[in-house]
N, C-alpha and C. Protein backbone atom coordinates (compact mmCIF):
# COMPACT_ATOMS: atom_id res chain seq x y z
N MET A 1 -18.68 26.53 27.65
CA MET A 1 -17.37 26.43 28.34
C MET A 1 -17.00 25.17 28.83
N THR A 2 -18.05 24.34 29.34
CA THR A 2 -17.89 23.10 29.80
C THR A 2 -17.30 22.12 28.84
N VAL A 3 -17.83 22.19 27.71
CA VAL A 3 -17.30 21.31 26.57
C VAL A 3 -15.75 21.51 26.43
N LEU A 4 -15.27 22.84 26.36
CA LEU A 4 -13.94 23.04 26.26
C LEU A 4 -13.13 22.53 27.37
N ASN A 5 -13.60 22.67 28.59
CA ASN A 5 -12.83 22.12 29.74
C ASN A 5 -12.77 20.50 29.73
N ASP A 6 -13.92 20.00 29.15
CA ASP A 6 -14.03 18.49 29.07
C ASP A 6 -12.82 18.09 28.06
N SER A 7 -12.99 18.69 27.00
CA SER A 7 -12.12 18.18 25.96
C SER A 7 -10.67 18.55 26.33
N THR A 8 -10.31 19.54 27.04
CA THR A 8 -8.97 19.74 27.51
C THR A 8 -8.53 18.68 28.37
N THR A 9 -9.47 18.31 29.31
CA THR A 9 -9.17 17.27 30.28
C THR A 9 -8.85 15.98 29.63
N ILE A 10 -9.69 15.62 28.48
CA ILE A 10 -9.43 14.43 27.72
C ILE A 10 -8.05 14.32 27.01
N VAL A 11 -7.87 15.45 26.42
CA VAL A 11 -6.54 15.63 25.65
C VAL A 11 -5.30 15.44 26.65
N HIS A 12 -5.46 16.10 27.85
CA HIS A 12 -4.41 16.07 28.94
C HIS A 12 -4.31 14.55 29.46
N GLY A 13 -5.40 13.96 29.54
CA GLY A 13 -5.46 12.53 29.93
C GLY A 13 -4.75 11.52 28.99
N LEU A 14 -5.06 11.87 27.64
CA LEU A 14 -4.42 11.11 26.60
C LEU A 14 -2.88 11.29 26.69
N ASP A 15 -2.39 12.59 26.70
CA ASP A 15 -1.08 12.98 26.70
C ASP A 15 -0.44 12.24 27.96
N SER A 16 -0.87 12.20 28.99
CA SER A 16 -0.23 11.58 30.15
C SER A 16 -0.28 10.12 30.04
N ALA A 17 -1.36 9.58 29.46
CA ALA A 17 -1.33 8.03 29.15
C ALA A 17 -0.33 7.59 28.19
N SER A 18 -0.08 8.58 27.10
CA SER A 18 0.82 8.06 26.07
C SER A 18 2.42 8.20 26.64
N GLU A 19 2.65 9.05 27.64
CA GLU A 19 3.86 9.29 28.28
C GLU A 19 4.25 7.98 29.11
N SER A 20 3.34 7.42 29.66
CA SER A 20 3.50 6.22 30.41
C SER A 20 4.06 4.88 29.55
N PHE A 21 3.77 4.97 28.19
CA PHE A 21 4.21 3.90 27.36
C PHE A 21 5.45 4.54 26.59
N ASP A 22 6.43 3.69 26.27
CA ASP A 22 7.56 3.93 25.65
C ASP A 22 7.42 3.54 24.15
N TYR A 23 7.16 4.40 23.26
CA TYR A 23 7.03 3.98 21.83
C TYR A 23 8.29 4.08 21.06
N SER A 24 8.79 2.93 20.70
CA SER A 24 10.11 2.94 20.02
C SER A 24 9.96 1.84 18.99
N LEU A 25 10.30 2.15 17.67
CA LEU A 25 10.27 1.03 16.85
C LEU A 25 11.34 0.12 17.06
N ARG A 26 12.48 0.65 17.35
CA ARG A 26 13.62 -0.24 17.61
C ARG A 26 13.47 -1.18 18.74
N LYS A 27 12.74 -0.82 19.82
CA LYS A 27 12.56 -1.74 20.89
C LYS A 27 11.50 -2.79 20.41
N ALA A 28 10.44 -2.37 19.73
CA ALA A 28 9.36 -3.31 19.30
C ALA A 28 10.07 -4.28 18.39
N LEU A 29 10.94 -3.94 17.47
CA LEU A 29 11.65 -4.97 16.61
C LEU A 29 12.61 -5.70 17.36
N MET A 30 13.13 -5.31 18.40
CA MET A 30 14.08 -6.27 19.21
C MET A 30 13.18 -7.23 19.94
N ARG A 31 11.99 -6.77 20.39
CA ARG A 31 11.13 -7.77 21.09
C ARG A 31 10.59 -8.90 19.98
N SER A 32 10.24 -8.34 18.81
CA SER A 32 9.63 -9.28 17.81
C SER A 32 10.17 -8.98 16.40
N PRO A 33 11.34 -9.76 16.10
CA PRO A 33 11.97 -9.43 14.83
C PRO A 33 11.09 -9.78 13.64
N ILE A 34 10.14 -10.63 13.85
CA ILE A 34 9.24 -10.95 12.69
C ILE A 34 8.41 -9.84 12.33
N SER A 35 8.34 -8.82 13.10
CA SER A 35 7.50 -7.61 12.81
C SER A 35 8.29 -6.79 11.75
N GLY A 36 9.65 -6.76 11.94
CA GLY A 36 10.36 -6.14 10.97
C GLY A 36 10.25 -6.76 9.61
N ILE A 37 10.31 -7.91 9.53
CA ILE A 37 10.31 -8.80 8.31
C ILE A 37 8.89 -8.50 7.63
N LEU A 38 7.85 -8.43 8.45
CA LEU A 38 6.49 -8.18 7.93
C LEU A 38 6.40 -6.70 7.37
N ILE A 39 7.03 -5.83 8.24
CA ILE A 39 6.98 -4.41 7.72
C ILE A 39 7.64 -4.29 6.33
N LEU A 40 8.87 -4.89 6.30
CA LEU A 40 9.60 -4.91 4.91
C LEU A 40 8.86 -5.52 3.88
N TYR A 41 8.21 -6.61 4.18
CA TYR A 41 7.46 -7.35 3.15
C TYR A 41 6.26 -6.43 2.66
N THR A 42 5.59 -5.87 3.58
CA THR A 42 4.32 -5.04 3.25
C THR A 42 4.82 -3.88 2.53
N PHE A 43 5.96 -3.22 2.84
CA PHE A 43 6.50 -2.12 2.03
C PHE A 43 6.66 -2.37 0.61
N ILE A 44 7.45 -3.60 0.45
CA ILE A 44 7.81 -3.96 -1.00
C ILE A 44 6.50 -4.47 -1.73
N ALA A 45 5.68 -5.15 -1.06
CA ALA A 45 4.38 -5.50 -1.70
C ALA A 45 3.51 -4.31 -2.21
N ALA A 46 3.50 -3.31 -1.29
CA ALA A 46 2.71 -2.20 -1.72
C ALA A 46 3.37 -1.26 -2.75
N TRP A 47 4.67 -1.32 -2.83
CA TRP A 47 5.29 -0.58 -3.97
C TRP A 47 5.08 -1.37 -5.31
N PHE A 48 5.11 -2.68 -5.17
CA PHE A 48 5.03 -3.50 -6.31
C PHE A 48 3.55 -3.27 -6.90
N ILE A 49 2.50 -3.48 -6.13
CA ILE A 49 1.22 -3.38 -6.47
C ILE A 49 0.78 -1.90 -6.99
N GLY A 50 1.35 -0.84 -6.16
CA GLY A 50 1.17 0.48 -6.62
C GLY A 50 1.76 0.76 -7.88
N GLY A 51 3.03 0.19 -8.26
CA GLY A 51 3.60 0.31 -9.50
C GLY A 51 2.84 -0.33 -10.62
N LEU A 52 2.52 -1.47 -10.48
CA LEU A 52 1.64 -2.12 -11.48
C LEU A 52 0.33 -1.30 -11.82
N MET A 53 -0.30 -0.80 -10.58
CA MET A 53 -1.57 -0.05 -10.77
C MET A 53 -1.37 1.28 -11.61
N ALA A 54 -0.17 1.97 -11.19
CA ALA A 54 0.23 3.21 -12.05
C ALA A 54 0.40 2.96 -13.45
N PHE A 55 1.22 1.85 -13.76
CA PHE A 55 1.47 1.43 -15.11
C PHE A 55 0.18 1.19 -15.89
N HIS A 56 -0.78 0.37 -15.29
CA HIS A 56 -2.02 0.08 -15.93
C HIS A 56 -2.95 1.31 -16.11
N PHE A 57 -2.79 2.17 -15.19
CA PHE A 57 -3.60 3.53 -15.44
C PHE A 57 -3.05 4.26 -16.56
N TYR A 58 -1.70 4.36 -16.63
CA TYR A 58 -1.07 5.04 -17.75
C TYR A 58 -1.40 4.36 -19.10
N LEU A 59 -1.50 2.96 -19.05
CA LEU A 59 -1.88 2.25 -20.35
C LEU A 59 -3.28 2.67 -20.54
N ILE A 60 -4.30 2.69 -19.70
CA ILE A 60 -5.58 3.11 -19.89
C ILE A 60 -5.81 4.61 -20.37
N LEU A 61 -5.06 5.43 -19.74
CA LEU A 61 -5.16 6.85 -20.22
C LEU A 61 -4.56 7.14 -21.37
N SER A 62 -3.51 6.37 -21.92
CA SER A 62 -2.95 6.59 -23.17
C SER A 62 -3.57 5.67 -24.27
N ASN A 63 -4.64 5.05 -23.87
CA ASN A 63 -5.37 4.14 -24.88
C ASN A 63 -4.53 3.04 -25.52
N GLN A 64 -3.75 2.35 -24.64
CA GLN A 64 -2.94 1.19 -25.13
C GLN A 64 -3.27 -0.01 -24.49
N VAL A 65 -2.96 -1.09 -24.85
CA VAL A 65 -3.27 -2.43 -24.18
C VAL A 65 -1.97 -3.06 -23.84
N SER A 66 -2.07 -3.75 -22.80
CA SER A 66 -0.90 -4.61 -22.18
C SER A 66 -0.36 -5.78 -22.92
N ILE A 67 -1.32 -6.23 -23.65
CA ILE A 67 -1.03 -7.49 -24.47
C ILE A 67 -0.85 -7.10 -26.05
N ARG A 68 0.35 -7.57 -26.58
CA ARG A 68 0.68 -7.12 -27.87
C ARG A 68 -0.10 -8.05 -28.74
N ARG A 69 -0.53 -7.64 -29.96
CA ARG A 69 -1.30 -8.39 -30.87
C ARG A 69 -0.35 -9.34 -31.62
N GLN A 70 -0.79 -10.60 -31.79
CA GLN A 70 0.03 -11.44 -32.51
C GLN A 70 -0.42 -11.42 -33.85
N ASP A 71 0.55 -11.75 -34.83
CA ASP A 71 0.25 -11.81 -36.28
C ASP A 71 -0.34 -13.13 -36.62
N GLU A 72 -1.02 -13.16 -37.78
CA GLU A 72 -1.71 -14.40 -38.12
C GLU A 72 -0.82 -15.59 -38.35
N SER A 73 0.46 -15.44 -38.76
CA SER A 73 1.20 -16.58 -39.00
C SER A 73 1.66 -17.39 -37.59
N SER A 74 1.50 -16.59 -36.50
CA SER A 74 1.82 -17.33 -35.24
C SER A 74 0.74 -18.20 -34.54
N GLN A 75 -0.44 -18.14 -35.27
CA GLN A 75 -1.65 -18.82 -34.78
C GLN A 75 -2.07 -19.70 -35.79
N PRO A 76 -1.67 -21.06 -35.61
CA PRO A 76 -2.26 -22.13 -36.64
C PRO A 76 -3.73 -22.20 -36.65
N GLY A 77 -4.31 -22.24 -37.80
CA GLY A 77 -5.73 -22.40 -37.97
C GLY A 77 -6.47 -21.02 -37.85
N PHE A 78 -5.72 -20.00 -37.77
CA PHE A 78 -6.52 -18.64 -37.69
C PHE A 78 -6.72 -18.16 -39.14
N SER A 79 -7.93 -17.79 -39.27
CA SER A 79 -8.35 -17.27 -40.51
C SER A 79 -9.32 -15.95 -40.34
N LYS A 80 -9.07 -15.01 -41.18
CA LYS A 80 -9.88 -13.71 -41.07
C LYS A 80 -11.17 -13.96 -41.72
N LEU A 81 -12.26 -13.47 -41.25
CA LEU A 81 -13.59 -13.42 -41.90
C LEU A 81 -13.45 -12.33 -42.97
N GLN A 82 -13.77 -12.64 -44.16
CA GLN A 82 -13.81 -11.75 -45.22
C GLN A 82 -15.20 -11.30 -45.65
């Protein structure tokens, strides 16, 4: 029973501590506009890297390669081993 009372006290203490701070994204961006730029940059970079990762997983799962094979005429000095 003591553990339950202690955990309830801790949770109540955290709730009251969080009420003393005003968490607002708008206010944070007004104080530091560079934060908004960094949030936007990180969001775009994550989508770009995630998209490339998904595309390459698709290529791996479908047994394809991302580099097209060039024909022999486009490579001077290339000869097949016979």
